[in-house]
Every structure is written in structure tokens, then in C-alpha cells.
Amino acid sequence: MLSKLMNLFSGGNAKDKQADKVPASSPARRSEDEPASKAAPKGEVKDLENFVDYVVKTLVDKPESVRISRKEAEEGASVIEIVCAKEDMGKVIGKSGKTIMAIRSLVSGAGGRLGRRVSVEIVE
């Protein structure tokens, strides 16, 4: 799961990133004939749901009460909805909303790499 998330957030395969650091004269360097896999990263919105689920369950006191669902909105956009216990909402939102803004920012950026619009909402 961690490698999938790294691919989503880094924009490609971690192994390809390491190959780019190898000097051009090295035999381990990719040949010119090999296709570069720097196009769209592999992954899907389900991976982003799993990411939100992991982060939110790590933040709250009652992880068993956390429910993550996805709705398809207009024009191919997706909304990941978070439902948690009332007393845990403050932990998910964070001081001045910084925690939820960070989650939204990461999900939105990774969704953009997938060519999708993805947003995160907290449902009461």
C-alpha cells in the first residue's frame, strides 16, 4: 500500500526515480529504447480512499467508528466522505482546519496526477 501511495504522490514509480539518479555512463542506466514510464502514475481513486481511511483512523480515538465512502459527482469528479464520532471530528479537522486542509491538499494533488478531480468532505 505504501508503494502505491508513493507512486500517487511522487508522480511515478519509485524504482524509476532511483534509475534516474544512476549516472548515464552506468550500465544500470535505462537504455534509450526502453519506454519511459513517467506518464500517468498507476493508481485509482480507491487508493486515495484507503489513504484517507488510514490517516483518519490514525488521528481519532475511536477508529472503529470511522466510515469512508465515495460519491461520484458531476463530470467525473469524486467526493470522498468521512464519517466519524462527534468527539473525534475536532481531531480530523485540526486547529484552524489545518489537518483537513492538509488531507484535502494531498488527495487533490494525487487525484490531479490521476487525471481526476477528487475532494474530501466531513459528514456530520
C-alpha atoms as a PDB file:
ATOM      1  CA  MET A   1       0.000   0.000   0.000  1.00  0.00           C
ATOM      2  CA  LEU A   2       2.828   2.366   0.832  1.00  0.00           C
ATOM      3  CA  SER A   3       4.374   1.916  -2.607  1.00  0.00           C
ATOM      4  CA  LYS A   4       1.031   2.728  -4.268  1.00  0.00           C
ATOM      5  CA  LEU A   5       0.743   5.907  -2.214  1.00  0.00           C
ATOM      6  CA  MET A   6       4.318   6.879  -3.012  1.00  0.00           C
ATOM      7  CA  ASN A   7       3.542   6.416  -6.703  1.00  0.00           C
ATOM      8  CA  LEU A   8       0.464   8.622  -6.429  1.00  0.00           C
ATOM      9  CA  PHE A   9       2.200  11.402  -4.560  1.00  0.00           C
ATOM     10  CA  SER A  10       5.564  11.283  -6.327  1.00  0.00           C
ATOM     11  CA  GLY A  11       4.216  11.046  -9.850  1.00  0.00           C
ATOM     12  CA  GLY A  12       5.827   7.794 -10.881  1.00  0.00           C
ATOM     13  CA  ASN A  13       7.440   4.582  -9.861  1.00  0.00           C
ATOM     14  CA  ALA A  14       9.979   4.869  -7.040  1.00  0.00           C
ATOM     15  CA  LYS A  15      12.269   2.456  -8.915  1.00  0.00           C
ATOM     16  CA  ASP A  16      12.225   4.773 -11.930  1.00  0.00           C
ATOM     17  CA  LYS A  17      13.223   7.657  -9.689  1.00  0.00           C
ATOM     18  CA  GLN A  18      16.218   5.677  -8.468  1.00  0.00           C
ATOM     19  CA  ALA A  19      17.161   4.795 -12.043  1.00  0.00           C
ATOM     20  CA  ASP A  20      17.194   8.495 -12.900  1.00  0.00           C
ATOM     21  CA  LYS A  21      19.858   9.053 -10.242  1.00  0.00           C
ATOM     22  CA  VAL A  22      22.210   6.492 -11.822  1.00  0.00           C
ATOM     23  CA  PRO A  23      24.918   8.158 -13.947  1.00  0.00           C
ATOM     24  CA  ALA A  24      24.427   7.997 -17.711  1.00  0.00           C
ATOM     25  CA  SER A  25      27.662   6.014 -18.149  1.00  0.00           C
ATOM     26  CA  SER A  26      26.481   3.293 -15.779  1.00  0.00           C
ATOM     27  CA  PRO A  27      25.258   0.000 -17.328  1.00  0.00           C
ATOM     28  CA  ALA A  28      22.320   0.063 -14.896  1.00  0.00           C
ATOM     29  CA  ARG A  29      21.037   3.169 -16.669  1.00  0.00           C
ATOM     30  CA  ARG A  30      17.910   2.634 -18.739  1.00  0.00           C
ATOM     31  CA  SER A  31      18.570   2.317 -22.440  1.00  0.00           C
ATOM     32  CA  GLU A  32      17.191   4.792 -24.949  1.00  0.00           C
ATOM     33  CA  ASP A  33      14.972   2.054 -26.433  1.00  0.00           C
ATOM     34  CA  GLU A  34      13.051   1.405 -23.213  1.00  0.00           C
ATOM     35  CA  PRO A  35       9.855   3.395 -22.868  1.00  0.00           C
ATOM     36  CA  ALA A  36       9.896   5.869 -20.026  1.00  0.00           C
ATOM     37  CA  SER A  37       7.183   5.125 -17.502  1.00  0.00           C
ATOM     38  CA  LYS A  38       6.893   8.742 -16.425  1.00  0.00           C
ATOM     39  CA  ALA A  39       3.460   9.139 -17.950  1.00  0.00           C
ATOM     40  CA  ALA A  40       0.478   8.876 -15.618  1.00  0.00           C
ATOM     41  CA  PRO A  41       1.182   7.033 -12.370  1.00  0.00           C
ATOM     42  CA  LYS A  42      -0.637   3.785 -11.777  1.00  0.00           C
ATOM     43  CA  GLY A  43      -3.399   4.011  -9.225  1.00  0.00           C
ATOM     44  CA  GLU A  44      -7.001   4.851  -8.787  1.00  0.00           C
ATOM     45  CA  VAL A  45      -9.372   6.732  -6.551  1.00  0.00           C
ATOM     46  CA  LYS A  46      -9.759   3.606  -4.375  1.00  0.00           C
ATOM     47  CA  ASP A  47      -6.118   4.072  -3.327  1.00  0.00           C
ATOM     48  CA  LEU A  48      -6.939   7.612  -2.236  1.00  0.00           C
ATOM     49  CA  GLU A  49      -9.890   6.307  -0.219  1.00  0.00           C
ATOM     50  CA  ASN A  50      -7.537   3.881   1.507  1.00  0.00           C
ATOM     51  CA  PHE A  51      -5.111   6.727   2.216  1.00  0.00           C
ATOM     52  CA  VAL A  52      -7.842   8.887   3.795  1.00  0.00           C
ATOM     53  CA  ASP A  53      -9.080   5.889   5.798  1.00  0.00           C
ATOM     54  CA  TYR A  54      -5.576   5.204   7.136  1.00  0.00           C
ATOM     55  CA  VAL A  55      -4.876   8.828   8.069  1.00  0.00           C
ATOM     56  CA  VAL A  56      -8.231   9.448   9.728  1.00  0.00           C
ATOM     57  CA  LYS A  57      -8.175   6.191  11.714  1.00  0.00           C
ATOM     58  CA  THR A  58      -4.690   7.080  12.931  1.00  0.00           C
ATOM     59  CA  LEU A  59      -5.852  10.508  14.147  1.00  0.00           C
ATOM     60  CA  VAL A  60      -9.016   9.570  16.054  1.00  0.00           C
ATOM     61  CA  ASP A  61      -9.662   7.901  19.413  1.00  0.00           C
ATOM     62  CA  LYS A  62     -12.428   5.626  18.060  1.00  0.00           C
ATOM     63  CA  PRO A  63     -11.138   4.245  14.735  1.00  0.00           C
ATOM     64  CA  GLU A  64     -13.893   1.618  14.667  1.00  0.00           C
ATOM     65  CA  SER A  65     -16.473   4.398  14.184  1.00  0.00           C
ATOM     66  CA  VAL A  66     -14.760   5.829  11.083  1.00  0.00           C
ATOM     67  CA  ARG A  67     -16.547   5.234   7.760  1.00  0.00           C
ATOM     68  CA  ILE A  68     -15.115   6.346   4.433  1.00  0.00           C
ATOM     69  CA  SER A  69     -17.287   6.357   1.319  1.00  0.00           C
ATOM     70  CA  ARG A  70     -17.047   7.763  -2.181  1.00  0.00           C
ATOM     71  CA  LYS A  71     -19.674   9.510  -4.270  1.00  0.00           C
ATOM     72  CA  GLU A  72     -19.338  10.287  -7.930  1.00  0.00           C
ATOM     73  CA  ALA A  73     -20.186  13.912  -8.575  1.00  0.00           C
ATOM     74  CA  GLU A  74     -20.840  15.644 -11.886  1.00  0.00           C
ATOM     75  CA  GLU A  75     -18.366  15.455 -14.766  1.00  0.00           C
ATOM     76  CA  GLY A  76     -16.279  12.588 -13.371  1.00  0.00           C
ATOM     77  CA  ALA A  77     -15.386  14.264 -10.086  1.00  0.00           C
ATOM     78  CA  SER A  78     -15.288  12.135  -6.935  1.00  0.00           C
ATOM     79  CA  VAL A  79     -16.053  13.098  -3.346  1.00  0.00           C
ATOM     80  CA  ILE A  80     -14.553  11.078  -0.508  1.00  0.00           C
ATOM     81  CA  GLU A  81     -16.787  11.413   2.543  1.00  0.00           C
ATOM     82  CA  ILE A  82     -15.576  10.941   6.120  1.00  0.00           C
ATOM     83  CA  VAL A  83     -17.992   9.929   8.872  1.00  0.00           C
ATOM     84  CA  CYS A  84     -16.629   9.654  12.416  1.00  0.00           C
ATOM     85  CA  ALA A  85     -17.727  10.049  16.033  1.00  0.00           C
ATOM     86  CA  LYS A  86     -18.669  13.593  17.021  1.00  0.00           C
ATOM     87  CA  GLU A  87     -15.940  13.776  19.663  1.00  0.00           C
ATOM     88  CA  ASP A  88     -13.322  12.849  17.019  1.00  0.00           C
ATOM     89  CA  MET A  89     -14.344  15.462  14.453  1.00  0.00           C
ATOM     90  CA  GLY A  90     -12.126  18.087  16.035  1.00  0.00           C
ATOM     91  CA  LYS A  91      -9.094  15.838  15.626  1.00  0.00           C
ATOM     92  CA  VAL A  92      -9.849  15.296  11.942  1.00  0.00           C
ATOM     93  CA  ILE A  93     -10.470  18.990  11.328  1.00  0.00           C
ATOM     94  CA  GLY A  94      -7.494  20.146  13.399  1.00  0.00           C
ATOM     95  CA  LYS A  95      -6.664  23.532  14.793  1.00  0.00           C
ATOM     96  CA  SER A  96      -7.995  26.219  12.431  1.00  0.00           C
ATOM     97  CA  GLY A  97      -8.865  23.439   9.966  1.00  0.00           C
ATOM     98  CA  LYS A  98      -5.224  22.738   9.129  1.00  0.00           C
ATOM     99  CA  THR A  99      -5.435  18.939   9.348  1.00  0.00           C
ATOM    100  CA  ILE A 100      -8.384  18.573   6.981  1.00  0.00           C
ATOM    101  CA  MET A 101      -6.855  21.158   4.645  1.00  0.00           C
ATOM    102  CA  ALA A 102      -3.658  19.088   4.500  1.00  0.00           C
ATOM    103  CA  ILE A 103      -5.610  15.898   3.770  1.00  0.00           C
ATOM    104  CA  ARG A 104      -7.612  17.676   1.068  1.00  0.00           C
ATOM    105  CA  SER A 105      -4.484  19.110  -0.469  1.00  0.00           C
ATOM    106  CA  LEU A 106      -2.738  15.722  -0.662  1.00  0.00           C
ATOM    107  CA  VAL A 107      -5.811  13.973  -2.071  1.00  0.00           C
ATOM    108  CA  SER A 108      -6.476  16.730  -4.578  1.00  0.00           C
ATOM    109  CA  GLY A 109      -2.875  16.709  -5.792  1.00  0.00           C
ATOM    110  CA  ALA A 110      -2.748  12.929  -6.105  1.00  0.00           C
ATOM    111  CA  GLY A 111      -6.124  12.972  -7.862  1.00  0.00           C
ATOM    112  CA  GLY A 112      -4.749  15.507 -10.326  1.00  0.00           C
ATOM    113  CA  ARG A 113      -1.909  13.117 -11.144  1.00  0.00           C
ATOM    114  CA  LEU A 114      -4.578  10.516 -11.932  1.00  0.00           C
ATOM    115  CA  GLY A 115      -6.381  12.996 -14.153  1.00  0.00           C
ATOM    116  CA  ARG A 116      -9.366  13.118 -11.786  1.00  0.00           C
ATOM    117  CA  ARG A 117     -10.919  15.755  -9.547  1.00  0.00           C
ATOM    118  CA  VAL A 118     -11.152  14.353  -6.038  1.00  0.00           C
ATOM    119  CA  SER A 119     -12.316  16.235  -2.953  1.00  0.00           C
ATOM    120  CA  VAL A 120     -12.714  15.288   0.711  1.00  0.00           C
ATOM    121  CA  GLU A 121     -15.735  16.188   2.861  1.00  0.00           C
ATOM    122  CA  ILE A 122     -16.572  15.530   6.510  1.00  0.00           C
ATOM    123  CA  VAL A 123     -20.173  14.409   7.022  1.00  0.00           C
ATOM    124  CA  GLU A 124     -21.866  15.025  10.378  1.00  0.00           C
END
